[in-house]
Amino acid sequence: MFNLTFRVNGFTLIETMITVAMLISLITITIPSLANFTIRMRVDNEISLLHRMLLLARNSAINNELYVTICPLNESSKCCEDWQGEISVFSDLNKNRIYEPDNGETILKVKPAIRNLDKLQYGKRRNALIYGPTGHLVIWGGNATFKYCPRDHADKSRGIIVSTSGRAYKTVYNKKQAQDTNRSGKGLICR
């Protein structure tokens, strides 16, 4: 007498349904968190890149004892108010807010345009920052706040405050207000 037994390895239908239900639950929980994470990373990357550009502009002005401008340039190489577009840092020997390579001015850095539909604002109607050889801003009313505002996520906005002394300070997250605030506790408002 032969005893033939076959073993079948696999999952039962109930085990498979439980696994699928658990996967659906995990995906439902993690997708919104992943979307928030990507938005925060995008905003943080833009703010860090802009902050490094401000430091570069200020340090170049001090180290090379010249005027350095940071602004978005239009097609005729003049500073404009389109902060969403490319932003350039260049030596501006005559402080006229025009990039003139024929006069010996050089581009130090260019930041690519921000993501479509997001906003980058700098003060009201400001089109440039000009750092002098001392590292201070040399244009009247040049100090203001950069605000990066991701579309449909105002609570994730971040900013950089540029003081008259030329120093740049990043905003910090305030748990009580559930948003980024400046050094005096005032929240960022995107327009």
N, C-alpha and C. Protein backbone atom coordinates (compact mmCIF):
# COMPACT_ATOMS: atom_id res chain seq x y z
N MET A 1 0.81 -1.16 0.00
CA MET A 1 0.00 0.00 0.00
C MET A 1 0.87 1.23 0.00
N PHE A 2 0.53 1.95 -0.94
CA PHE A 2 1.28 3.19 -1.10
C PHE A 2 0.48 4.35 -0.54
N ASN A 3 1.17 5.19 0.18
CA ASN A 3 0.54 6.39 0.74
C ASN A 3 1.03 7.61 -0.03
N LEU A 4 0.24 8.03 -0.96
CA LEU A 4 0.61 9.19 -1.75
C LEU A 4 -0.07 10.43 -1.18
N THR A 5 0.74 11.37 -0.77
CA THR A 5 0.20 12.66 -0.31
C THR A 5 0.89 13.78 -1.09
N PHE A 6 0.08 14.68 -1.50
CA PHE A 6 0.60 15.84 -2.23
C PHE A 6 0.45 17.07 -1.36
N ARG A 7 1.51 17.85 -1.33
CA ARG A 7 1.46 19.12 -0.61
C ARG A 7 1.36 20.24 -1.61
N VAL A 8 0.43 21.08 -1.41
CA VAL A 8 0.25 22.24 -2.28
C VAL A 8 0.65 23.47 -1.49
N ASN A 9 1.64 24.17 -2.00
CA ASN A 9 2.08 25.41 -1.35
C ASN A 9 1.40 26.58 -2.03
N GLY A 10 0.97 27.55 -1.25
CA GLY A 10 0.30 28.72 -1.82
C GLY A 10 -0.50 29.44 -0.77
N PHE A 11 -1.30 30.37 -1.23
CA PHE A 11 -2.12 31.17 -0.34
C PHE A 11 -3.58 30.83 -0.58
N THR A 12 -4.32 30.91 0.49
CA THR A 12 -5.75 30.70 0.35
C THR A 12 -6.38 32.02 -0.12
N LEU A 13 -7.59 31.93 -0.56
CA LEU A 13 -8.30 33.11 -1.02
C LEU A 13 -8.46 34.13 0.10
N ILE A 14 -8.71 33.69 1.29
CA ILE A 14 -8.88 34.59 2.44
C ILE A 14 -7.57 35.31 2.75
N GLU A 15 -6.46 34.60 2.73
CA GLU A 15 -5.16 35.22 2.98
C GLU A 15 -4.86 36.30 1.93
N THR A 16 -5.15 36.01 0.69
CA THR A 16 -4.92 36.96 -0.39
C THR A 16 -5.79 38.20 -0.22
N MET A 17 -7.07 38.02 0.14
CA MET A 17 -7.97 39.16 0.33
C MET A 17 -7.52 40.03 1.50
N ILE A 18 -7.04 39.42 2.57
CA ILE A 18 -6.56 40.19 3.72
C ILE A 18 -5.33 41.00 3.34
N THR A 19 -4.42 40.40 2.59
CA THR A 19 -3.21 41.09 2.14
C THR A 19 -3.56 42.27 1.24
N VAL A 20 -4.46 42.08 0.31
CA VAL A 20 -4.88 43.16 -0.58
C VAL A 20 -5.55 44.28 0.22
N ALA A 21 -6.37 43.95 1.18
CA ALA A 21 -7.03 44.96 2.01
C ALA A 21 -6.00 45.78 2.80
N MET A 22 -4.99 45.09 3.32
CA MET A 22 -3.93 45.80 4.06
C MET A 22 -3.15 46.73 3.13
N LEU A 23 -2.84 46.26 1.93
CA LEU A 23 -2.13 47.10 0.97
C LEU A 23 -2.93 48.34 0.59
N ILE A 24 -4.21 48.17 0.37
CA ILE A 24 -5.07 49.31 0.02
C ILE A 24 -5.10 50.31 1.17
N SER A 25 -5.19 49.81 2.40
CA SER A 25 -5.18 50.71 3.57
C SER A 25 -3.87 51.49 3.66
N LEU A 26 -2.74 50.82 3.47
CA LEU A 26 -1.45 51.49 3.52
C LEU A 26 -1.30 52.54 2.42
N ILE A 27 -1.74 52.21 1.23
CA ILE A 27 -1.65 53.15 0.11
C ILE A 27 -2.53 54.36 0.37
N THR A 28 -3.71 54.14 0.91
CA THR A 28 -4.63 55.24 1.22
C THR A 28 -4.02 56.19 2.25
N ILE A 29 -3.28 55.65 3.18
CA ILE A 29 -2.65 56.48 4.22
C ILE A 29 -1.42 57.20 3.69
N THR A 30 -0.61 56.53 2.89
CA THR A 30 0.69 57.10 2.49
C THR A 30 0.63 58.06 1.32
N ILE A 31 -0.32 57.96 0.42
CA ILE A 31 -0.34 58.84 -0.75
C ILE A 31 -0.47 60.31 -0.36
N PRO A 32 -1.39 60.71 0.52
CA PRO A 32 -1.42 62.13 0.91
C PRO A 32 -0.12 62.58 1.59
N SER A 33 0.46 61.72 2.40
CA SER A 33 1.71 62.07 3.07
C SER A 33 2.83 62.23 2.05
N LEU A 34 2.85 61.40 1.04
CA LEU A 34 3.86 61.49 0.00
C LEU A 34 3.69 62.78 -0.80
N ALA A 35 2.45 63.15 -1.09
CA ALA A 35 2.20 64.40 -1.82
C ALA A 35 2.67 65.60 -0.99
N ASN A 36 2.36 65.62 0.30
CA ASN A 36 2.82 66.70 1.18
C ASN A 36 4.35 66.74 1.25
N PHE A 37 4.97 65.58 1.31
CA PHE A 37 6.42 65.49 1.37
C PHE A 37 7.04 66.09 0.11
N THR A 38 6.48 65.76 -1.06
CA THR A 38 7.04 66.28 -2.32
C THR A 38 6.89 67.79 -2.39
N ILE A 39 5.76 68.31 -1.95
CA ILE A 39 5.56 69.77 -1.97
C ILE A 39 6.56 70.45 -1.04
N ARG A 40 6.69 69.92 0.16
CA ARG A 40 7.65 70.51 1.12
C ARG A 40 9.08 70.47 0.58
N MET A 41 9.45 69.36 -0.05
CA MET A 41 10.80 69.24 -0.61
C MET A 41 11.01 70.25 -1.74
N ARG A 42 10.01 70.43 -2.59
CA ARG A 42 10.12 71.39 -3.69
C ARG A 42 10.30 72.81 -3.15
N VAL A 43 9.50 73.17 -2.15
CA VAL A 43 9.59 74.51 -1.55
C VAL A 43 10.94 74.68 -0.86
N ASP A 44 11.35 73.69 -0.07
CA ASP A 44 12.64 73.77 0.62
C ASP A 44 13.81 73.90 -0.36
N ASN A 45 13.76 73.16 -1.46
CA ASN A 45 14.83 73.23 -2.46
C ASN A 45 14.90 74.62 -3.09
N GLU A 46 13.76 75.19 -3.45
CA GLU A 46 13.74 76.52 -4.05
C GLU A 46 14.25 77.58 -3.07
N ILE A 47 13.82 77.50 -1.82
CA ILE A 47 14.26 78.47 -0.81
C ILE A 47 15.76 78.34 -0.57
N SER A 48 16.25 77.11 -0.49
CA SER A 48 17.69 76.91 -0.27
C SER A 48 18.51 77.44 -1.45
N LEU A 49 18.05 77.18 -2.66
CA LEU A 49 18.75 77.66 -3.85
C LEU A 49 18.77 79.19 -3.89
N LEU A 50 17.64 79.80 -3.59
CA LEU A 50 17.56 81.26 -3.57
C LEU A 50 18.45 81.84 -2.46
N HIS A 51 18.45 81.21 -1.30
CA HIS A 51 19.28 81.67 -0.19
C HIS A 51 20.76 81.61 -0.56
N ARG A 52 21.17 80.53 -1.21
CA ARG A 52 22.57 80.41 -1.65
C ARG A 52 22.91 81.49 -2.68
N MET A 53 21.96 81.83 -3.55
CA MET A 53 22.20 82.90 -4.53
C MET A 53 22.38 84.25 -3.84
N LEU A 54 21.58 84.51 -2.82
CA LEU A 54 21.73 85.76 -2.08
C LEU A 54 23.09 85.82 -1.38
N LEU A 55 23.50 84.71 -0.80
CA LEU A 55 24.82 84.66 -0.15
C LEU A 55 25.93 84.87 -1.17
N LEU A 56 25.81 84.24 -2.34
CA LEU A 56 26.79 84.41 -3.41
C LEU A 56 26.88 85.87 -3.84
N ALA A 57 25.73 86.51 -4.04
CA ALA A 57 25.71 87.90 -4.47
C ALA A 57 26.38 88.80 -3.44
N ARG A 58 26.03 88.63 -2.19
CA ARG A 58 26.59 89.47 -1.12
C ARG A 58 28.09 89.24 -0.97
N ASN A 59 28.49 87.96 -0.94
CA ASN A 59 29.92 87.65 -0.78
C ASN A 59 30.74 88.13 -1.98
N SER A 60 30.19 88.02 -3.18
CA SER A 60 30.90 88.49 -4.37
C SER A 60 31.08 90.01 -4.32
N ALA A 61 30.05 90.71 -3.86
CA ALA A 61 30.15 92.17 -3.75
C ALA A 61 31.24 92.56 -2.75
N ILE A 62 31.28 91.87 -1.62
CA ILE A 62 32.28 92.18 -0.59
C ILE A 62 33.68 91.80 -1.06
N ASN A 63 33.85 90.56 -1.52
CA ASN A 63 35.18 90.06 -1.88
C ASN A 63 35.79 90.75 -3.09
N ASN A 64 34.96 91.14 -4.05
CA ASN A 64 35.47 91.77 -5.27
C ASN A 64 35.33 93.29 -5.26
N GLU A 65 34.77 93.83 -4.17
CA GLU A 65 34.58 95.26 -4.00
C GLU A 65 33.88 95.90 -5.21
N LEU A 66 32.72 95.34 -5.54
CA LEU A 66 31.93 95.87 -6.64
C LEU A 66 30.46 95.72 -6.35
N TYR A 67 29.63 96.24 -7.23
CA TYR A 67 28.18 96.14 -7.08
C TYR A 67 27.70 94.87 -7.76
N VAL A 68 26.85 94.13 -7.07
CA VAL A 68 26.31 92.89 -7.61
C VAL A 68 24.79 92.96 -7.52
N THR A 69 24.13 92.66 -8.63
CA THR A 69 22.68 92.72 -8.71
C THR A 69 22.12 91.31 -8.83
N ILE A 70 21.00 91.10 -8.18
CA ILE A 70 20.25 89.85 -8.33
C ILE A 70 18.84 90.24 -8.77
N CYS A 71 18.42 89.68 -9.92
CA CYS A 71 17.09 90.04 -10.44
C CYS A 71 16.71 89.11 -11.59
N PRO A 72 15.44 89.08 -11.96
CA PRO A 72 15.04 88.41 -13.20
C PRO A 72 15.32 89.37 -14.37
N LEU A 73 15.97 88.87 -15.40
CA LEU A 73 16.28 89.70 -16.57
C LEU A 73 15.27 89.44 -17.69
N ASN A 74 14.82 90.52 -18.35
CA ASN A 74 13.94 90.35 -19.49
C ASN A 74 14.78 90.14 -20.76
N GLU A 75 14.14 90.08 -21.91
CA GLU A 75 14.85 89.79 -23.16
C GLU A 75 15.84 90.88 -23.55
N SER A 76 15.71 92.09 -23.02
CA SER A 76 16.67 93.15 -23.32
C SER A 76 17.69 93.33 -22.19
N SER A 77 17.85 92.30 -21.34
CA SER A 77 18.84 92.26 -20.25
C SER A 77 18.62 93.33 -19.18
N LYS A 78 17.37 93.76 -19.00
CA LYS A 78 17.02 94.70 -17.93
C LYS A 78 16.29 93.94 -16.83
N CYS A 79 16.46 94.39 -15.60
CA CYS A 79 15.76 93.77 -14.48
C CYS A 79 14.26 94.02 -14.62
N CYS A 80 13.48 92.99 -14.33
CA CYS A 80 12.03 93.10 -14.40
C CYS A 80 11.43 92.49 -13.13
N GLU A 81 10.13 92.46 -13.03
CA GLU A 81 9.45 91.96 -11.83
C GLU A 81 8.98 90.52 -11.95
N ASP A 82 9.45 89.78 -12.94
CA ASP A 82 9.02 88.40 -13.16
C ASP A 82 9.87 87.44 -12.34
N TRP A 83 9.65 87.40 -11.03
CA TRP A 83 10.44 86.57 -10.14
C TRP A 83 10.17 85.08 -10.35
N GLN A 84 9.10 84.71 -11.06
CA GLN A 84 8.83 83.30 -11.36
C GLN A 84 9.82 82.75 -12.40
N GLY A 85 10.36 83.65 -13.24
CA GLY A 85 11.27 83.24 -14.31
C GLY A 85 12.69 83.02 -13.80
N GLU A 86 13.62 82.95 -14.74
CA GLU A 86 15.03 82.82 -14.37
C GLU A 86 15.47 84.03 -13.56
N ILE A 87 16.31 83.79 -12.56
CA ILE A 87 16.85 84.88 -11.75
C ILE A 87 18.36 84.84 -11.93
N SER A 88 18.93 86.01 -12.21
CA SER A 88 20.37 86.09 -12.48
C SER A 88 21.08 86.90 -11.40
N VAL A 89 22.31 86.51 -11.13
CA VAL A 89 23.21 87.29 -10.28
C VAL A 89 24.33 87.75 -11.20
N PHE A 90 24.57 89.06 -11.26
CA PHE A 90 25.62 89.58 -12.14
C PHE A 90 26.30 90.79 -11.55
N SER A 91 27.54 91.01 -11.95
CA SER A 91 28.24 92.22 -11.53
C SER A 91 27.60 93.39 -12.29
N ASP A 92 27.22 94.42 -11.55
CA ASP A 92 26.52 95.57 -12.13
C ASP A 92 27.35 96.81 -11.80
N LEU A 93 28.38 97.05 -12.58
CA LEU A 93 29.38 98.06 -12.26
C LEU A 93 28.81 99.45 -12.09
N ASN A 94 27.77 99.81 -12.85
CA ASN A 94 27.19 101.14 -12.76
C ASN A 94 25.83 101.17 -12.06
N LYS A 95 25.42 100.08 -11.44
CA LYS A 95 24.17 99.97 -10.65
C LYS A 95 22.92 100.35 -11.42
N ASN A 96 22.90 100.13 -12.73
CA ASN A 96 21.75 100.55 -13.52
C ASN A 96 20.72 99.43 -13.74
N ARG A 97 20.93 98.27 -13.13
CA ARG A 97 20.01 97.13 -13.22
C ARG A 97 19.86 96.61 -14.64
N ILE A 98 20.93 96.76 -15.42
CA ILE A 98 20.98 96.23 -16.78
C ILE A 98 22.26 95.42 -16.91
N TYR A 99 22.13 94.18 -17.39
CA TYR A 99 23.31 93.36 -17.61
C TYR A 99 23.96 93.80 -18.92
N GLU A 100 25.20 94.33 -18.81
CA GLU A 100 25.92 94.84 -19.98
C GLU A 100 27.28 94.16 -20.09
N PRO A 101 27.35 93.03 -20.80
CA PRO A 101 28.63 92.33 -20.92
C PRO A 101 29.69 93.15 -21.65
N ASP A 102 29.28 94.08 -22.52
CA ASP A 102 30.24 94.92 -23.23
C ASP A 102 30.98 95.88 -22.29
N ASN A 103 30.39 96.16 -21.13
CA ASN A 103 31.02 97.02 -20.12
C ASN A 103 31.82 96.22 -19.09
N GLY A 104 32.02 94.95 -19.33
CA GLY A 104 32.81 94.12 -18.42
C GLY A 104 32.00 93.45 -17.32
N GLU A 105 30.68 93.52 -17.39
CA GLU A 105 29.84 92.87 -16.38
C GLU A 105 29.73 91.38 -16.69
N THR A 106 29.70 90.57 -15.63
CA THR A 106 29.64 89.12 -15.82
C THR A 106 28.50 88.51 -15.03
N ILE A 107 27.95 87.45 -15.59
CA ILE A 107 26.90 86.68 -14.90
C ILE A 107 27.62 85.72 -13.95
N LEU A 108 27.20 85.74 -12.69
CA LEU A 108 27.81 84.86 -11.69
C LEU A 108 27.02 83.57 -11.50
N LYS A 109 25.71 83.66 -11.64
CA LYS A 109 24.85 82.49 -11.43
C LYS A 109 23.48 82.78 -12.01
N VAL A 110 22.82 81.73 -12.50
CA VAL A 110 21.45 81.84 -12.99
C VAL A 110 20.64 80.73 -12.35
N LYS A 111 19.52 81.10 -11.75
CA LYS A 111 18.60 80.12 -11.16
C LYS A 111 17.46 79.89 -12.15
N PRO A 112 17.17 78.62 -12.44
CA PRO A 112 16.07 78.36 -13.39
C PRO A 112 14.72 78.83 -12.85
N ALA A 113 13.77 78.96 -13.74
CA ALA A 113 12.41 79.37 -13.38
C ALA A 113 11.80 78.36 -12.41
N ILE A 114 10.88 78.85 -11.59
CA ILE A 114 10.21 77.97 -10.63
C ILE A 114 9.14 77.15 -11.35
N ARG A 115 8.61 76.19 -10.64
CA ARG A 115 7.58 75.32 -11.19
C ARG A 115 6.36 76.13 -11.62
N ASN A 116 5.81 75.74 -12.73
CA ASN A 116 4.65 76.41 -13.28
C ASN A 116 3.51 76.44 -12.25
N LEU A 117 2.86 77.55 -12.12
CA LEU A 117 1.71 77.81 -11.25
C LEU A 117 2.08 78.09 -9.79
N ASP A 118 3.32 77.84 -9.37
CA ASP A 118 3.76 78.30 -8.07
C ASP A 118 4.10 79.77 -8.20
N LYS A 119 4.28 80.46 -7.04
CA LYS A 119 4.60 81.89 -7.08
C LYS A 119 5.86 82.16 -6.28
N LEU A 120 6.65 83.08 -6.78
CA LEU A 120 7.77 83.63 -6.02
C LEU A 120 7.60 85.14 -6.05
N GLN A 121 7.46 85.72 -4.88
CA GLN A 121 7.23 87.16 -4.76
C GLN A 121 8.39 87.79 -4.02
N TYR A 122 8.71 89.03 -4.39
CA TYR A 122 9.69 89.80 -3.63
C TYR A 122 9.15 91.20 -3.41
N GLY A 123 8.70 91.47 -2.22
CA GLY A 123 8.18 92.79 -1.90
C GLY A 123 7.06 93.21 -2.84
N LYS A 124 6.80 94.49 -2.88
CA LYS A 124 5.79 95.03 -3.80
C LYS A 124 6.51 95.84 -4.86
N ARG A 125 6.37 95.44 -6.09
CA ARG A 125 6.94 96.15 -7.24
C ARG A 125 8.45 96.30 -7.17
N ARG A 126 9.13 95.35 -6.57
CA ARG A 126 10.58 95.40 -6.54
C ARG A 126 11.12 94.51 -7.66
N ASN A 127 12.10 95.03 -8.37
CA ASN A 127 12.62 94.26 -9.49
C ASN A 127 14.09 93.88 -9.35
N ALA A 128 14.73 94.26 -8.24
CA ALA A 128 16.15 93.92 -8.08
C ALA A 128 16.62 94.14 -6.65
N LEU A 129 17.70 93.47 -6.32
CA LEU A 129 18.48 93.75 -5.11
C LEU A 129 19.87 94.08 -5.61
N ILE A 130 20.47 95.14 -5.09
CA ILE A 130 21.84 95.47 -5.47
C ILE A 130 22.68 95.54 -4.20
N TYR A 131 23.68 94.68 -4.16
CA TYR A 131 24.62 94.66 -3.04
C TYR A 131 25.80 95.55 -3.38
N GLY A 132 26.23 96.36 -2.40
CA GLY A 132 27.41 97.20 -2.57
C GLY A 132 28.65 96.52 -2.03
N PRO A 133 29.81 97.14 -2.21
CA PRO A 133 31.07 96.56 -1.75
C PRO A 133 31.12 96.29 -0.25
N THR A 134 30.26 96.93 0.53
CA THR A 134 30.22 96.69 1.97
C THR A 134 29.32 95.51 2.33
N GLY A 135 28.56 95.00 1.36
CA GLY A 135 27.63 93.91 1.62
C GLY A 135 26.23 94.39 1.94
N HIS A 136 26.05 95.71 2.05
CA HIS A 136 24.73 96.29 2.31
C HIS A 136 23.96 96.44 1.00
N LEU A 137 22.63 96.50 1.11
CA LEU A 137 21.82 96.83 -0.06
C LEU A 137 21.99 98.31 -0.35
N VAL A 138 22.13 98.66 -1.62
CA VAL A 138 22.40 100.06 -1.95
C VAL A 138 21.22 100.79 -2.56
N ILE A 139 20.12 100.09 -2.80
CA ILE A 139 18.96 100.80 -3.34
C ILE A 139 17.97 101.05 -2.21
N TRP A 140 17.35 102.22 -2.25
CA TRP A 140 16.41 102.56 -1.21
C TRP A 140 15.21 101.62 -1.28
N GLY A 141 14.80 101.11 -0.14
CA GLY A 141 13.65 100.21 -0.09
C GLY A 141 13.90 98.85 -0.69
N GLY A 142 15.16 98.45 -0.79
CA GLY A 142 15.49 97.16 -1.39
C GLY A 142 15.21 95.99 -0.48
N ASN A 143 15.15 96.26 0.81
CA ASN A 143 14.89 95.15 1.74
C ASN A 143 13.42 94.75 1.68
N ALA A 144 13.20 93.45 1.72
CA ALA A 144 11.83 92.92 1.67
C ALA A 144 11.90 91.42 1.94
N THR A 145 10.81 90.73 1.70
CA THR A 145 10.73 89.29 1.94
C THR A 145 10.44 88.56 0.65
N PHE A 146 11.26 87.55 0.36
CA PHE A 146 10.95 86.61 -0.71
C PHE A 146 9.92 85.64 -0.16
N LYS A 147 8.88 85.35 -0.92
CA LYS A 147 7.88 84.38 -0.50
C LYS A 147 7.71 83.36 -1.61
N TYR A 148 7.93 82.10 -1.28
CA TYR A 148 7.68 81.03 -2.24
C TYR A 148 6.35 80.40 -1.84
N CYS A 149 5.38 80.45 -2.74
CA CYS A 149 4.03 80.00 -2.45
C CYS A 149 3.63 78.88 -3.41
N PRO A 150 3.60 77.63 -2.93
CA PRO A 150 3.18 76.54 -3.81
C PRO A 150 1.68 76.62 -4.07
N ARG A 151 1.29 76.34 -5.28
CA ARG A 151 -0.12 76.45 -5.67
C ARG A 151 -0.99 75.54 -4.80
N ASP A 152 -2.08 76.08 -4.30
CA ASP A 152 -3.09 75.37 -3.50
C ASP A 152 -2.55 74.83 -2.17
N HIS A 153 -1.41 75.32 -1.72
CA HIS A 153 -0.83 74.86 -0.45
C HIS A 153 -0.18 76.03 0.28
N ALA A 154 -0.96 77.06 0.57
CA ALA A 154 -0.43 78.27 1.21
C ALA A 154 0.20 77.96 2.57
N ASP A 155 -0.26 76.91 3.24
CA ASP A 155 0.29 76.56 4.54
C ASP A 155 1.73 76.04 4.45
N LYS A 156 2.20 75.73 3.26
CA LYS A 156 3.56 75.22 3.07
C LYS A 156 4.49 76.29 2.49
N SER A 157 4.04 77.55 2.48
CA SER A 157 4.85 78.64 1.96
C SER A 157 6.05 78.88 2.86
N ARG A 158 7.16 79.28 2.24
CA ARG A 158 8.37 79.61 2.98
C ARG A 158 8.90 80.93 2.47
N GLY A 159 9.79 81.53 3.22
CA GLY A 159 10.31 82.82 2.81
C GLY A 159 11.73 83.08 3.25
N ILE A 160 12.28 84.17 2.70
CA ILE A 160 13.60 84.68 3.07
C ILE A 160 13.46 86.18 3.26
N ILE A 161 13.83 86.66 4.43
CA ILE A 161 13.79 88.08 4.71
C ILE A 161 15.17 88.66 4.41
N VAL A 162 15.22 89.69 3.58
CA VAL A 162 16.48 90.35 3.26
C VAL A 162 16.47 91.71 3.96
N SER A 163 17.43 91.92 4.86
CA SER A 163 17.49 93.17 5.61
C SER A 163 18.31 94.20 4.85
N THR A 164 18.24 95.45 5.29
CA THR A 164 19.00 96.52 4.68
C THR A 164 20.50 96.26 4.77
N SER A 165 20.91 95.56 5.82
CA SER A 165 22.33 95.23 5.97
C SER A 165 22.78 94.20 4.93
N GLY A 166 21.81 93.63 4.19
CA GLY A 166 22.14 92.65 3.16
C GLY A 166 22.05 91.22 3.63
N ARG A 167 21.85 91.03 4.90
CA ARG A 167 21.75 89.66 5.42
C ARG A 167 20.40 89.05 5.08
N ALA A 168 20.42 87.74 4.87
CA ALA A 168 19.20 87.03 4.50
C ALA A 168 18.88 86.00 5.59
N TYR A 169 17.63 85.99 6.03
CA TYR A 169 17.16 85.10 7.08
C TYR A 169 15.99 84.27 6.56
N LYS A 170 16.09 82.96 6.70
CA LYS A 170 14.98 82.10 6.30
C LYS A 170 13.89 82.15 7.37
N THR A 171 12.64 82.02 6.93
CA THR A 171 11.54 81.92 7.88
C THR A 171 11.60 80.54 8.54
N VAL A 172 10.94 80.42 9.69
CA VAL A 172 10.93 79.14 10.40
C VAL A 172 9.49 78.72 10.67
N TYR A 173 9.28 77.42 10.77
CA TYR A 173 7.93 76.90 11.00
C TYR A 173 7.51 77.14 12.44
N ASN A 174 6.32 77.70 12.63
CA ASN A 174 5.75 77.97 13.94
C ASN A 174 4.59 76.99 14.15
N LYS A 175 4.74 76.08 15.10
CA LYS A 175 3.71 75.06 15.32
C LYS A 175 2.37 75.65 15.74
N LYS A 176 2.40 76.69 16.57
CA LYS A 176 1.15 77.29 17.03
C LYS A 176 0.37 77.92 15.88
N GLN A 177 1.06 78.57 14.98
CA GLN A 177 0.39 79.21 13.85
C GLN A 177 0.24 78.27 12.66
N ALA A 178 0.91 77.14 12.72
CA ALA A 178 0.88 76.13 11.65
C ALA A 178 1.32 76.71 10.30
N GLN A 179 2.35 77.55 10.35
CA GLN A 179 2.92 78.13 9.13
C GLN A 179 4.29 78.70 9.44
N ASP A 180 5.03 79.08 8.39
CA ASP A 180 6.32 79.73 8.58
C ASP A 180 6.11 81.17 9.02
N THR A 181 7.00 81.65 9.90
CA THR A 181 6.93 83.01 10.40
C THR A 181 8.30 83.67 10.29
N ASN A 182 8.32 85.01 10.31
CA ASN A 182 9.59 85.72 10.32
C ASN A 182 10.14 85.77 11.74
N ARG A 183 11.22 86.49 11.92
CA ARG A 183 11.88 86.51 13.24
C ARG A 183 11.06 87.18 14.32
N SER A 184 10.09 88.00 13.95
CA SER A 184 9.23 88.63 14.95
C SER A 184 7.90 87.90 15.13
N GLY A 185 7.76 86.72 14.51
CA GLY A 185 6.56 85.90 14.71
C GLY A 185 5.43 86.17 13.74
N LYS A 186 5.64 87.03 12.76
CA LYS A 186 4.59 87.34 11.81
C LYS A 186 4.57 86.29 10.71
N GLY A 187 3.36 85.78 10.40
CA GLY A 187 3.21 84.74 9.40
C GLY A 187 3.34 85.25 7.98
N LEU A 188 3.69 84.35 7.07
CA LEU A 188 3.78 84.70 5.65
C LEU A 188 2.39 84.72 5.03
N ILE A 189 2.12 85.72 4.23
CA ILE A 189 0.85 85.81 3.53
C ILE A 189 1.15 85.91 2.04
N CYS A 190 0.67 84.94 1.29
CA CYS A 190 0.88 84.95 -0.15
C CYS A 190 -0.29 85.68 -0.82
N ARG A 191 0.04 86.50 -1.76
CA ARG A 191 -0.99 87.24 -2.49
C ARG A 191 -1.18 86.66 -3.85
